[in-house]
C-alpha atoms as a PDB file:
ATOM      1  CA  MET A   1      12.988 -25.617 -40.697  1.00  0.00           C
ATOM      2  CA  GLN A   2      15.028 -24.070 -37.859  1.00  0.00           C
ATOM      3  CA  ALA A   3      18.638 -23.146 -38.600  1.00  0.00           C
ATOM      4  CA  LYS A   4      21.347 -25.201 -36.912  1.00  0.00           C
ATOM      5  CA  ILE A   5      22.312 -23.992 -33.438  1.00  0.00           C
ATOM      6  CA  ASN A   6      26.055 -23.358 -33.318  1.00  0.00           C
ATOM      7  CA  LYS A   7      26.298 -20.782 -30.535  1.00  0.00           C
ATOM      8  CA  ILE A   8      24.072 -20.160 -27.519  1.00  0.00           C
ATOM      9  CA  GLY A   9      24.008 -17.076 -25.300  1.00  0.00           C
ATOM     10  CA  VAL A  10      23.028 -17.215 -21.627  1.00  0.00           C
ATOM     11  CA  LEU A  11      21.984 -14.388 -19.318  1.00  0.00           C
ATOM     12  CA  THR A  12      20.454 -13.812 -15.886  1.00  0.00           C
ATOM     13  CA  SER A  13      17.887 -11.082 -15.353  1.00  0.00           C
ATOM     14  CA  GLY A  14      15.694  -9.606 -12.630  1.00  0.00           C
ATOM     15  CA  GLY A  15      16.196 -10.430  -8.964  1.00  0.00           C
ATOM     16  CA  ASP A  16      19.064 -12.809  -8.215  1.00  0.00           C
ATOM     17  CA  ALA A  17      18.339 -16.246  -6.764  1.00  0.00           C
ATOM     18  CA  PRO A  18      20.612 -18.891  -5.216  1.00  0.00           C
ATOM     19  CA  GLY A  19      21.314 -21.504  -7.888  1.00  0.00           C
ATOM     20  CA  MET A  20      21.578 -19.133 -10.842  1.00  0.00           C
ATOM     21  CA  ASN A  21      25.305 -19.863 -11.075  1.00  0.00           C
ATOM     22  CA  ALA A  22      24.599 -23.586 -11.068  1.00  0.00           C
ATOM     23  CA  ALA A  23      22.154 -23.079 -13.957  1.00  0.00           C
ATOM     24  CA  ILE A  24      24.702 -21.044 -15.953  1.00  0.00           C
ATOM     25  CA  ARG A  25      27.283 -23.769 -15.325  1.00  0.00           C
ATOM     26  CA  ALA A  26      24.907 -26.457 -16.595  1.00  0.00           C
ATOM     27  CA  VAL A  27      24.127 -24.479 -19.767  1.00  0.00           C
ATOM     28  CA  VAL A  28      27.807 -23.844 -20.487  1.00  0.00           C
ATOM     29  CA  ARG A  29      28.906 -27.415 -19.885  1.00  0.00           C
ATOM     30  CA  SER A  30      25.956 -28.842 -21.782  1.00  0.00           C
ATOM     31  CA  CYS A  31      27.010 -26.685 -24.741  1.00  0.00           C
ATOM     32  CA  ALA A  32      30.574 -27.998 -24.410  1.00  0.00           C
ATOM     33  CA  PHE A  33      29.276 -31.581 -24.262  1.00  0.00           C
ATOM     34  CA  HIS A  34      27.365 -31.100 -27.531  1.00  0.00           C
ATOM     35  CA  GLY A  35      30.160 -29.206 -29.285  1.00  0.00           C
ATOM     36  CA  VAL A  36      28.214 -25.933 -29.294  1.00  0.00           C
ATOM     37  CA  GLU A  37      29.831 -22.575 -28.506  1.00  0.00           C
ATOM     38  CA  CYS A  38      28.529 -20.606 -25.537  1.00  0.00           C
ATOM     39  CA  ALA A  39      28.689 -16.933 -24.581  1.00  0.00           C
ATOM     40  CA  GLY A  40      27.781 -15.253 -21.307  1.00  0.00           C
ATOM     41  CA  ILE A  41      25.897 -11.965 -21.417  1.00  0.00           C
ATOM     42  CA  PHE A  42      26.621  -9.736 -18.437  1.00  0.00           C
ATOM     43  CA  ARG A  43      23.947  -7.606 -16.687  1.00  0.00           C
ATOM     44  CA  GLY A  44      20.978  -9.259 -18.364  1.00  0.00           C
ATOM     45  CA  TYR A  45      19.189  -7.565 -21.245  1.00  0.00           C
ATOM     46  CA  GLN A  46      21.087  -4.316 -20.596  1.00  0.00           C
ATOM     47  CA  GLY A  47      24.345  -6.129 -21.266  1.00  0.00           C
ATOM     48  CA  LEU A  48      22.852  -7.482 -24.471  1.00  0.00           C
ATOM     49  CA  ILE A  49      22.021  -3.928 -25.568  1.00  0.00           C
ATOM     50  CA  GLU A  50      25.575  -2.775 -24.790  1.00  0.00           C
ATOM     51  CA  GLY A  51      27.298  -5.832 -26.236  1.00  0.00           C
ATOM     52  CA  ASP A  52      28.741  -6.925 -22.886  1.00  0.00           C
ATOM     53  CA  ILE A  53      29.251 -10.496 -24.084  1.00  0.00           C
ATOM     54  CA  GLU A  54      32.077 -12.928 -23.306  1.00  0.00           C
ATOM     55  CA  GLU A  55      32.946 -16.384 -24.600  1.00  0.00           C
ATOM     56  CA  LEU A  56      32.553 -19.146 -21.996  1.00  0.00           C
ATOM     57  CA  ASN A  57      33.845 -22.692 -21.880  1.00  0.00           C
ATOM     58  CA  ALA A  58      33.678 -25.599 -19.439  1.00  0.00           C
ATOM     59  CA  ARG A  59      36.564 -24.192 -17.379  1.00  0.00           C
ATOM     60  CA  SER A  60      34.988 -20.724 -17.216  1.00  0.00           C
ATOM     61  CA  VAL A  61      32.382 -22.032 -14.776  1.00  0.00           C
ATOM     62  CA  LYS A  62      34.571 -24.021 -12.409  1.00  0.00           C
ATOM     63  CA  ASN A  63      33.800 -23.587  -8.701  1.00  0.00           C
ATOM     64  CA  VAL A  64      30.624 -21.573  -9.297  1.00  0.00           C
ATOM     65  CA  ILE A  65      28.052 -24.248  -8.425  1.00  0.00           C
ATOM     66  CA  SER A  66      28.260 -23.434  -4.704  1.00  0.00           C
ATOM     67  CA  ARG A  67      28.167 -19.651  -5.067  1.00  0.00           C
ATOM     68  CA  GLY A  68      25.029 -17.606  -4.473  1.00  0.00           C
ATOM     69  CA  GLY A  69      24.005 -14.735  -6.722  1.00  0.00           C
ATOM     70  CA  THR A  70      25.086 -14.722 -10.364  1.00  0.00           C
ATOM     71  CA  PHE A  71      28.582 -14.116 -11.701  1.00  0.00           C
ATOM     72  CA  LEU A  72      27.017 -12.837 -14.937  1.00  0.00           C
ATOM     73  CA  LYS A  73      25.381 -10.095 -12.835  1.00  0.00           C
ATOM     74  CA  SER A  74      21.760  -9.076 -13.183  1.00  0.00           C
ATOM     75  CA  ALA A  75      19.918  -5.877 -14.000  1.00  0.00           C
ATOM     76  CA  ARG A  76      16.478  -4.589 -14.858  1.00  0.00           C
ATOM     77  CA  SER A  77      16.697  -2.809 -18.194  1.00  0.00           C
ATOM     78  CA  LYS A  78      14.231  -0.017 -18.984  1.00  0.00           C
ATOM     79  CA  GLU A  79      15.883   0.411 -22.369  1.00  0.00           C
ATOM     80  CA  PHE A  80      15.024  -3.166 -23.334  1.00  0.00           C
ATOM     81  CA  MET A  81      11.364  -2.244 -22.836  1.00  0.00           C
ATOM     82  CA  THR A  82      11.639  -0.019 -25.913  1.00  0.00           C
ATOM     83  CA  LYS A  83      11.696  -1.228 -29.521  1.00  0.00           C
ATOM     84  CA  GLU A  84      14.893   0.751 -30.123  1.00  0.00           C
ATOM     85  CA  GLY A  85      16.587  -0.966 -27.196  1.00  0.00           C
ATOM     86  CA  ARG A  86      15.568  -4.411 -28.413  1.00  0.00           C
ATOM     87  CA  GLN A  87      16.888  -3.578 -31.885  1.00  0.00           C
ATOM     88  CA  LYS A  88      20.281  -2.699 -30.372  1.00  0.00           C
ATOM     89  CA  ALA A  89      20.210  -6.027 -28.524  1.00  0.00           C
ATOM     90  CA  TYR A  90      19.451  -7.901 -31.736  1.00  0.00           C
ATOM     91  CA  ASP A  91      22.272  -6.102 -33.561  1.00  0.00           C
ATOM     92  CA  HIS A  92      24.746  -7.269 -30.899  1.00  0.00           C
ATOM     93  CA  ILE A  93      23.320 -10.794 -31.079  1.00  0.00           C
ATOM     94  CA  LYS A  94      24.050 -10.962 -34.811  1.00  0.00           C
ATOM     95  CA  LYS A  95      27.474  -9.358 -34.343  1.00  0.00           C
ATOM     96  CA  SER A  96      28.357 -11.987 -31.723  1.00  0.00           C
ATOM     97  CA  GLY A  97      27.127 -14.843 -33.907  1.00  0.00           C
ATOM     98  CA  LEU A  98      24.534 -16.081 -31.409  1.00  0.00           C
ATOM     99  CA  ASP A  99      21.872 -18.465 -32.718  1.00  0.00           C
ATOM    100  CA  ALA A 100      19.735 -18.737 -29.560  1.00  0.00           C
ATOM    101  CA  LEU A 101      19.324 -17.394 -26.027  1.00  0.00           C
ATOM    102  CA  VAL A 102      18.798 -19.043 -22.648  1.00  0.00           C
ATOM    103  CA  VAL A 103      17.316 -16.508 -20.224  1.00  0.00           C
ATOM    104  CA  ILE A 104      17.356 -17.270 -16.503  1.00  0.00           C
ATOM    105  CA  GLY A 105      14.916 -15.367 -14.288  1.00  0.00           C
ATOM    106  CA  GLY A 106      11.250 -14.793 -13.534  1.00  0.00           C
ATOM    107  CA  ASP A 107       8.142 -13.466 -15.240  1.00  0.00           C
ATOM    108  CA  GLY A 108       9.718 -10.122 -16.208  1.00  0.00           C
ATOM    109  CA  THR A 109      12.629 -11.933 -17.827  1.00  0.00           C
ATOM    110  CA  PHE A 110      10.281 -14.262 -19.695  1.00  0.00           C
ATOM    111  CA  THR A 111       8.039 -11.404 -20.818  1.00  0.00           C
ATOM    112  CA  GLY A 112      11.053  -9.648 -22.321  1.00  0.00           C
ATOM    113  CA  GLY A 113      12.096 -12.852 -24.083  1.00  0.00           C
ATOM    114  CA  LEU A 114       8.581 -13.401 -25.417  1.00  0.00           C
ATOM    115  CA  ILE A 115       8.420  -9.908 -26.933  1.00  0.00           C
ATOM    116  CA  PHE A 116      11.931 -10.251 -28.371  1.00  0.00           C
ATOM    117  CA  ASN A 117      11.013 -13.554 -30.008  1.00  0.00           C
ATOM    118  CA  SER A 118       7.849 -12.095 -31.525  1.00  0.00           C
ATOM    119  CA  GLU A 119       9.789  -9.217 -33.084  1.00  0.00           C
ATOM    120  CA  PHE A 120      12.860 -11.041 -34.369  1.00  0.00           C
ATOM    121  CA  ASN A 121      11.787 -14.704 -34.453  1.00  0.00           C
ATOM    122  CA  PHE A 122      14.877 -15.481 -32.398  1.00  0.00           C
ATOM    123  CA  PRO A 123      14.971 -18.770 -30.421  1.00  0.00           C
ATOM    124  CA  ILE A 124      14.463 -18.210 -26.676  1.00  0.00           C
ATOM    125  CA  ILE A 125      14.372 -20.725 -23.823  1.00  0.00           C
ATOM    126  CA  GLY A 126      13.558 -19.674 -20.255  1.00  0.00           C
ATOM    127  CA  ILE A 127      14.806 -21.189 -16.999  1.00  0.00           C
ATOM    128  CA  PRO A 128      12.719 -20.234 -13.923  1.00  0.00           C
ATOM    129  CA  ALA A 129      14.844 -18.728 -11.153  1.00  0.00           C
ATOM    130  CA  THR A 130      13.061 -16.712  -8.482  1.00  0.00           C
ATOM    131  CA  ILE A 131      12.824 -17.249  -4.745  1.00  0.00           C
ATOM    132  CA  ASP A 132       9.066 -16.499  -4.784  1.00  0.00           C
ATOM    133  CA  ASN A 133       8.199 -19.733  -6.658  1.00  0.00           C
ATOM    134  CA  ASP A 134       5.555 -17.772  -8.581  1.00  0.00           C
ATOM    135  CA  ILE A 135       6.020 -19.160 -12.102  1.00  0.00           C
ATOM    136  CA  LYS A 136       3.222 -21.239 -13.602  1.00  0.00           C
ATOM    137  CA  GLY A 137       4.042 -24.634 -15.132  1.00  0.00           C
ATOM    138  CA  THR A 138       6.844 -25.671 -12.795  1.00  0.00           C
ATOM    139  CA  ASP A 139       6.563 -27.224  -9.345  1.00  0.00           C
ATOM    140  CA  TYR A 140       9.591 -25.301  -8.111  1.00  0.00           C
ATOM    141  CA  THR A 141      11.783 -22.425  -9.239  1.00  0.00           C
ATOM    142  CA  ILE A 142      15.533 -22.182  -8.713  1.00  0.00           C
ATOM    143  CA  GLY A 143      16.327 -20.420  -5.428  1.00  0.00           C
ATOM    144  CA  TYR A 144      13.047 -21.160  -3.671  1.00  0.00           C
ATOM    145  CA  ASP A 145      14.323 -24.078  -1.590  1.00  0.00           C
ATOM    146  CA  THR A 146      17.402 -22.155  -0.439  1.00  0.00           C
ATOM    147  CA  ALA A 147      15.294 -19.133   0.508  1.00  0.00           C
ATOM    148  CA  LEU A 148      12.969 -21.368   2.553  1.00  0.00           C
ATOM    149  CA  ASN A 149      15.895 -22.865   4.454  1.00  0.00           C
ATOM    150  CA  THR A 150      17.319 -19.385   5.098  1.00  0.00           C
ATOM    151  CA  VAL A 151      13.985 -18.147   6.451  1.00  0.00           C
ATOM    152  CA  VAL A 152      13.409 -21.182   8.675  1.00  0.00           C
ATOM    153  CA  GLU A 153      16.920 -20.898  10.119  1.00  0.00           C
ATOM    154  CA  ALA A 154      16.343 -17.198  10.875  1.00  0.00           C
ATOM    155  CA  ILE A 155      12.937 -17.833  12.496  1.00  0.00           C
ATOM    156  CA  ASP A 156      14.403 -20.638  14.630  1.00  0.00           C
ATOM    157  CA  LYS A 157      16.925 -18.128  16.020  1.00  0.00           C
ATOM    158  CA  ILE A 158      14.260 -15.473  16.544  1.00  0.00           C
ATOM    159  CA  ARG A 159      12.124 -17.991  18.462  1.00  0.00           C
ATOM    160  CA  ASP A 160      14.972 -18.510  20.954  1.00  0.00           C
ATOM    161  CA  THR A 161      14.767 -14.827  21.833  1.00  0.00           C
ATOM    162  CA  ALA A 162      10.955 -14.779  21.769  1.00  0.00           C
ATOM    163  CA  SER A 163      10.800 -17.669  24.215  1.00  0.00           C
ATOM    164  CA  SER A 164      13.403 -16.145  26.538  1.00  0.00           C
ATOM    165  CA  HIS A 165      11.533 -12.846  26.888  1.00  0.00           C
ATOM    166  CA  ASN A 166       7.851 -13.775  26.424  1.00  0.00           C
ATOM    167  CA  ARG A 167       7.803 -11.784  23.208  1.00  0.00           C
ATOM    168  CA  LEU A 168       5.601 -11.776  20.137  1.00  0.00           C
ATOM    169  CA  PHE A 169       7.665 -11.475  16.956  1.00  0.00           C
ATOM    170  CA  LEU A 170       6.303 -10.405  13.577  1.00  0.00           C
ATOM    171  CA  VAL A 171       8.679 -11.707  10.897  1.00  0.00           C
ATOM    172  CA  GLU A 172       8.294 -10.275   7.394  1.00  0.00           C
ATOM    173  CA  VAL A 173       9.421 -12.468   4.502  1.00  0.00           C
ATOM    174  CA  MET A 174       9.471 -11.888   0.752  1.00  0.00           C
ATOM    175  CA  GLY A 175       6.384 -12.589  -1.321  1.00  0.00           C
ATOM    176  CA  ARG A 176       4.664  -9.550  -2.805  1.00  0.00           C
ATOM    177  CA  ASP A 177       2.187 -11.580  -4.857  1.00  0.00           C
ATOM    178  CA  ALA A 178       2.774 -15.160  -3.688  1.00  0.00           C
ATOM    179  CA  GLY A 179       2.741 -16.568  -0.161  1.00  0.00           C
ATOM    180  CA  ASP A 180       4.733 -19.748  -0.788  1.00  0.00           C
ATOM    181  CA  ILE A 181       7.721 -18.662   1.292  1.00  0.00           C
ATOM    182  CA  ALA A 182       5.565 -17.435   4.174  1.00  0.00           C
ATOM    183  CA  LEU A 183       3.236 -20.442   4.254  1.00  0.00           C
ATOM    184  CA  ASN A 184       5.897 -23.132   3.966  1.00  0.00           C
ATOM    185  CA  SER A 185       8.465 -21.493   6.237  1.00  0.00           C
ATOM    186  CA  GLY A 186       5.727 -20.708   8.739  1.00  0.00           C
ATOM    187  CA  ILE A 187       4.759 -24.364   8.941  1.00  0.00           C
ATOM    188  CA  GLY A 188       8.399 -25.467   8.985  1.00  0.00           C
ATOM    189  CA  ALA A 189       9.288 -23.072  11.797  1.00  0.00           C
ATOM    190  CA  GLY A 190       6.111 -23.675  13.801  1.00  0.00           C
ATOM    191  CA  ALA A 191       4.633 -20.173  13.485  1.00  0.00           C
ATOM    192  CA  GLU A 192       1.418 -19.418  15.343  1.00  0.00           C
ATOM    193  CA  GLU A 193      -0.012 -17.332  12.487  1.00  0.00           C
ATOM    194  CA  ILE A 194       0.843 -16.867   8.799  1.00  0.00           C
ATOM    195  CA  LEU A 195      -0.383 -13.905   6.738  1.00  0.00           C
ATOM    196  CA  ILE A 196      -0.200 -14.250   2.944  1.00  0.00           C
ATOM    197  CA  PRO A 197      -1.338 -12.267  -0.139  1.00  0.00           C
ATOM    198  CA  GLU A 198      -3.684 -15.005  -1.394  1.00  0.00           C
ATOM    199  CA  GLU A 199      -6.130 -14.488   1.445  1.00  0.00           C
ATOM    200  CA  ASN A 200      -7.195 -11.690   3.745  1.00  0.00           C
ATOM    201  CA  THR A 201      -8.178 -13.266   7.059  1.00  0.00           C
ATOM    202  CA  GLY A 202      -8.426  -9.869   8.754  1.00  0.00           C
ATOM    203  CA  VAL A 203      -6.778  -8.458  11.860  1.00  0.00           C
ATOM    204  CA  ASP A 204      -9.685  -9.370  14.137  1.00  0.00           C
ATOM    205  CA  ARG A 205      -9.138 -13.070  13.440  1.00  0.00           C
ATOM    206  CA  LEU A 206      -5.454 -12.560  14.193  1.00  0.00           C
ATOM    207  CA  ILE A 207      -6.177 -10.985  17.570  1.00  0.00           C
ATOM    208  CA  ASP A 208      -8.652 -13.761  18.445  1.00  0.00           C
ATOM    209  CA  SER A 209      -6.093 -16.395  17.491  1.00  0.00           C
ATOM    210  CA  LEU A 210      -3.382 -14.798  19.629  1.00  0.00           C
ATOM    211  CA  LYS A 211      -5.753 -14.554  22.601  1.00  0.00           C
ATOM    212  CA  LYS A 212      -6.561 -18.274  22.259  1.00  0.00           C
ATOM    213  CA  SER A 213      -2.850 -19.058  22.106  1.00  0.00           C
ATOM    214  CA  LYS A 214      -2.308 -17.060  25.281  1.00  0.00           C
ATOM    215  CA  LYS A 215      -5.121 -18.908  27.078  1.00  0.00           C
ATOM    216  CA  SER A 216      -3.693 -22.266  25.979  1.00  0.00           C
ATOM    217  CA  GLY A 217      -0.480 -21.450  27.816  1.00  0.00           C
ATOM    218  CA  LYS A 218       1.740 -20.033  25.089  1.00  0.00           C
ATOM    219  CA  THR A 219       4.083 -17.369  26.437  1.00  0.00           C
ATOM    220  CA  SER A 220       5.603 -16.346  23.113  1.00  0.00           C
ATOM    221  CA  SER A 221       4.503 -16.379  19.491  1.00  0.00           C
ATOM    222  CA  ILE A 222       5.849 -16.031  15.967  1.00  0.00           C
ATOM    223  CA  ILE A 223       3.744 -14.501  13.188  1.00  0.00           C
ATOM    224  CA  VAL A 224       5.121 -14.847   9.669  1.00  0.00           C
ATOM    225  CA  VAL A 225       3.955 -12.074   7.347  1.00  0.00           C
ATOM    226  CA  ALA A 226       4.457 -12.067   3.573  1.00  0.00           C
ATOM    227  CA  GLU A 227       5.355  -8.573   2.328  1.00  0.00           C
ATOM    228  CA  GLY A 228       2.263  -8.643   0.083  1.00  0.00           C
ATOM    229  CA  ASP A 229      -0.143  -9.443   2.939  1.00  0.00           C
ATOM    230  CA  LYS A 230      -3.493  -7.741   2.331  1.00  0.00           C
ATOM    231  CA  SER A 231      -4.492  -7.002   5.924  1.00  0.00           C
ATOM    232  CA  GLY A 232      -4.321  -3.324   4.950  1.00  0.00           C
ATOM    233  CA  LYS A 233      -1.412  -2.524   7.261  1.00  0.00           C
ATOM    234  CA  ASN A 234       2.338  -2.699   6.841  1.00  0.00           C
ATOM    235  CA  ILE A 235       4.145  -4.847   9.376  1.00  0.00           C
ATOM    236  CA  PHE A 236       4.967  -1.925  11.705  1.00  0.00           C
ATOM    237  CA  GLU A 237       1.360  -0.681  11.705  1.00  0.00           C
ATOM    238  CA  LEU A 238       0.255  -4.259  12.333  1.00  0.00           C
ATOM    239  CA  ALA A 239       2.584  -4.447  15.339  1.00  0.00           C
ATOM    240  CA  GLU A 240       1.087  -1.222  16.755  1.00  0.00           C
ATOM    241  CA  PHE A 241      -2.457  -2.539  16.231  1.00  0.00           C
ATOM    242  CA  ILE A 242      -1.674  -5.779  18.072  1.00  0.00           C
ATOM    243  CA  GLU A 243      -0.004  -3.864  20.895  1.00  0.00           C
ATOM    244  CA  GLU A 244      -3.140  -1.724  21.312  1.00  0.00           C
ATOM    245  CA  ASN A 245      -5.459  -4.739  21.371  1.00  0.00           C
ATOM    246  CA  LEU A 246      -3.440  -7.389  23.196  1.00  0.00           C
ATOM    247  CA  ASP A 247      -1.948  -7.225  26.679  1.00  0.00           C
ATOM    248  CA  ASP A 248       1.030  -9.028  28.192  1.00  0.00           C
ATOM    249  CA  TYR A 249       3.207  -9.413  25.061  1.00  0.00           C
ATOM    250  CA  GLU A 250       6.299  -7.430  24.200  1.00  0.00           C
ATOM    251  CA  ILE A 251       6.106  -7.028  20.428  1.00  0.00           C
ATOM    252  CA  ARG A 252       9.084  -6.939  18.086  1.00  0.00           C
ATOM    253  CA  VAL A 253       9.360  -6.724  14.292  1.00  0.00           C
ATOM    254  CA  SER A 254      12.016  -8.438  12.177  1.00  0.00           C
ATOM    255  CA  VAL A 255      12.192  -7.798   8.419  1.00  0.00           C
ATOM    256  CA  LEU A 256      14.393 -10.457   6.838  1.00  0.00           C
ATOM    257  CA  GLY A 257      14.668  -8.596   3.534  1.00  0.00           C
ATOM    258  CA  HIS A 258      17.417  -9.441   1.067  1.00  0.00           C
ATOM    259  CA  ILE A 259      19.082 -11.970   3.360  1.00  0.00           C
ATOM    260  CA  GLN A 260      16.587 -14.377   1.738  1.00  0.00           C
ATOM    261  CA  ARG A 261      18.200 -13.938  -1.678  1.00  0.00           C
ATOM    262  CA  GLY A 262      21.754 -14.633  -0.583  1.00  0.00           C
ATOM    263  CA  GLY A 263      23.811 -17.595   0.472  1.00  0.00           C
ATOM    264  CA  SER A 264      25.108 -20.795  -1.011  1.00  0.00           C
ATOM    265  CA  PRO A 265      22.339 -22.728  -2.819  1.00  0.00           C
ATOM    266  CA  SER A 266      20.935 -25.855  -1.216  1.00  0.00           C
ATOM    267  CA  CYS A 267      21.647 -29.256  -2.742  1.00  0.00           C
ATOM    268  CA  TYR A 268      18.107 -29.324  -4.114  1.00  0.00           C
ATOM    269  CA  ASP A 269      18.572 -26.002  -5.900  1.00  0.00           C
ATOM    270  CA  ARG A 270      21.940 -27.093  -7.332  1.00  0.00           C
ATOM    271  CA  VAL A 271      20.437 -30.289  -8.728  1.00  0.00           C
ATOM    272  CA  LEU A 272      17.321 -28.485 -10.020  1.00  0.00           C
ATOM    273  CA  ALA A 273      19.460 -25.829 -11.717  1.00  0.00           C
ATOM    274  CA  SER A 274      21.638 -28.510 -13.292  1.00  0.00           C
ATOM    275  CA  LYS A 275      18.607 -30.394 -14.623  1.00  0.00           C
ATOM    276  CA  LEU A 276      17.037 -27.276 -16.088  1.00  0.00           C
ATOM    277  CA  GLY A 277      20.297 -25.968 -17.577  1.00  0.00           C
ATOM    278  CA  VAL A 278      20.852 -29.225 -19.440  1.00  0.00           C
ATOM    279  CA  GLY A 279      17.152 -29.317 -20.364  1.00  0.00           C
ATOM    280  CA  ALA A 280      17.320 -25.824 -21.867  1.00  0.00           C
ATOM    281  CA  VAL A 281      20.172 -26.724 -24.202  1.00  0.00           C
ATOM    282  CA  ASP A 282      18.488 -30.023 -25.117  1.00  0.00           C
ATOM    283  CA  ALA A 283      15.311 -28.104 -25.999  1.00  0.00           C
ATOM    284  CA  LEU A 284      17.160 -25.698 -28.284  1.00  0.00           C
ATOM    285  CA  LEU A 285      19.028 -28.483 -30.047  1.00  0.00           C
ATOM    286  CA  ASN A 286      15.702 -30.282 -30.540  1.00  0.00           C
ATOM    287  CA  GLY A 287      14.271 -27.241 -32.310  1.00  0.00           C
ATOM    288  CA  GLU A 288      12.138 -25.884 -29.458  1.00  0.00           C
ATOM    289  CA  SER A 289      11.735 -22.162 -28.804  1.00  0.00           C
ATOM    290  CA  ASN A 290       9.564 -19.741 -26.868  1.00  0.00           C
ATOM    291  CA  ILE A 291       9.260 -22.213 -24.001  1.00  0.00           C
ATOM    292  CA  MET A 292      10.354 -22.481 -20.403  1.00  0.00           C
ATOM    293  CA  VAL A 293      11.906 -25.660 -19.065  1.00  0.00           C
ATOM    294  CA  GLY A 294      10.351 -26.471 -15.702  1.00  0.00           C
ATOM    295  CA  ILE A 295      10.098 -29.373 -13.294  1.00  0.00           C
ATOM    296  CA  HIS A 296       6.945 -31.455 -12.721  1.00  0.00           C
ATOM    297  CA  HIS A 297       6.951 -34.663 -10.683  1.00  0.00           C
ATOM    298  CA  GLN A 298      10.775 -34.545 -10.846  1.00  0.00           C
ATOM    299  CA  GLN A 299      10.728 -34.604 -14.655  1.00  0.00           C
ATOM    300  CA  VAL A 300      11.885 -31.751 -16.896  1.00  0.00           C
ATOM    301  CA  VAL A 301       8.943 -30.384 -18.894  1.00  0.00           C
ATOM    302  CA  SER A 302       8.458 -27.749 -21.606  1.00  0.00           C
ATOM    303  CA  VAL A 303       5.945 -24.975 -20.914  1.00  0.00           C
ATOM    304  CA  PRO A 304       5.027 -22.132 -23.324  1.00  0.00           C
ATOM    305  CA  LEU A 305       6.490 -18.831 -22.080  1.00  0.00           C
ATOM    306  CA  LYS A 306       3.040 -17.306 -22.479  1.00  0.00           C
ATOM    307  CA  THR A 307       1.719 -19.814 -19.924  1.00  0.00           C
ATOM    308  CA  ALA A 308       4.651 -19.396 -17.545  1.00  0.00           C
ATOM    309  CA  ILE A 309       4.103 -15.660 -17.079  1.00  0.00           C
ATOM    310  CA  GLN A 310       0.435 -16.038 -16.126  1.00  0.00           C
ATOM    311  CA  GLY A 311       1.270 -16.440 -12.444  1.00  0.00           C
ATOM    312  CA  GLY A 312       2.022 -19.186  -9.971  1.00  0.00           C
ATOM    313  CA  ALA A 313       0.089 -22.281  -8.989  1.00  0.00           C
ATOM    314  CA  LYS A 314      -3.296 -22.049  -7.284  1.00  0.00           C
ATOM    315  CA  PHE A 315      -3.297 -21.397  -3.563  1.00  0.00           C
ATOM    316  CA  ASP A 316      -2.879 -24.654  -1.631  1.00  0.00           C
ATOM    317  CA  LYS A 317      -5.843 -24.652   0.760  1.00  0.00           C
ATOM    318  CA  ASN A 318      -4.793 -27.972   2.257  1.00  0.00           C
ATOM    319  CA  LEU A 319      -1.441 -26.494   3.254  1.00  0.00           C
ATOM    320  CA  ARG A 320      -3.251 -23.632   4.955  1.00  0.00           C
ATOM    321  CA  ARG A 321      -5.352 -26.209   6.821  1.00  0.00           C
ATOM    322  CA  VAL A 322      -2.157 -27.958   7.921  1.00  0.00           C
ATOM    323  CA  ALA A 323      -0.847 -24.628   9.233  1.00  0.00           C
ATOM    324  CA  ASP A 324      -4.060 -23.956  11.184  1.00  0.00           C
ATOM    325  CA  ILE A 325      -4.175 -27.442  12.741  1.00  0.00           C
ATOM    326  CA  THR A 326      -0.501 -27.578  13.764  1.00  0.00           C
ATOM    327  CA  SER A 327      -0.418 -24.090  15.257  1.00  0.00           C
ATOM    328  CA  ILE A 328      -2.986 -24.657  18.065  1.00  0.00           C
END
């Protein structure tokens, strides 16, 4: 029988995502609602190793729901990857009187939690927060919707310039292993071509497509490229290749980079984070551990951490078809 949960720790780890603060807020206030103490761990697992832990209450998280990033800070801890580092973390957990942990992040965060649980049998609940939306078992991750809106807004502005100067813009977006941002923002912004890691359509198909677009009367084009695109060329080499094989276009490259991680979270991300934060505390108080709380058909669900770190959902071929049809 699991020991009673009297105090819960919460941390954010890995890359930051808009909505992390909203998730922390929901965990803290859910703890307050249930009469459970809560402590914030700064700088992720590294802060746990160093004992950088602070008591939090309902007032500690006022006015954070609209803030991007994470006020608990985030870090990637190499020391936590060692058994000695995890032992230090466990020692600080016991010293601080924590009975369970809520870890907010992506697959690296969950992998660390899974190993920690296996070594110390310590209750862990994960909340998925990554703009790439590459966690299995949840329809959406915290930060994904905000990142999409940021990308679409940026591409809309780039298109104004492309149209004014008859230019072809290559826009690189985040997505090393998953093309969700590229595919959805490309459709939403009306891109002519979308290159994603899940498929390698080849540069010849790209050139043919751009030539067809030119013949159909298009005087400017937007190509959205996920950073993990497998065409075999980085975005600048791709721009040079197109320039060598396609006349009449001025070609420009725009790498959106970390702008996609920042900004105030969208309403959807705030609500999602709130649902999952409350769901994480509910799960712990109901005796669950080693699971991630995710969202499926708008309902909070429990998914084994082992399943969550296996990668995102299968590539949506129908969405690719939608992109191809609407870009003619």
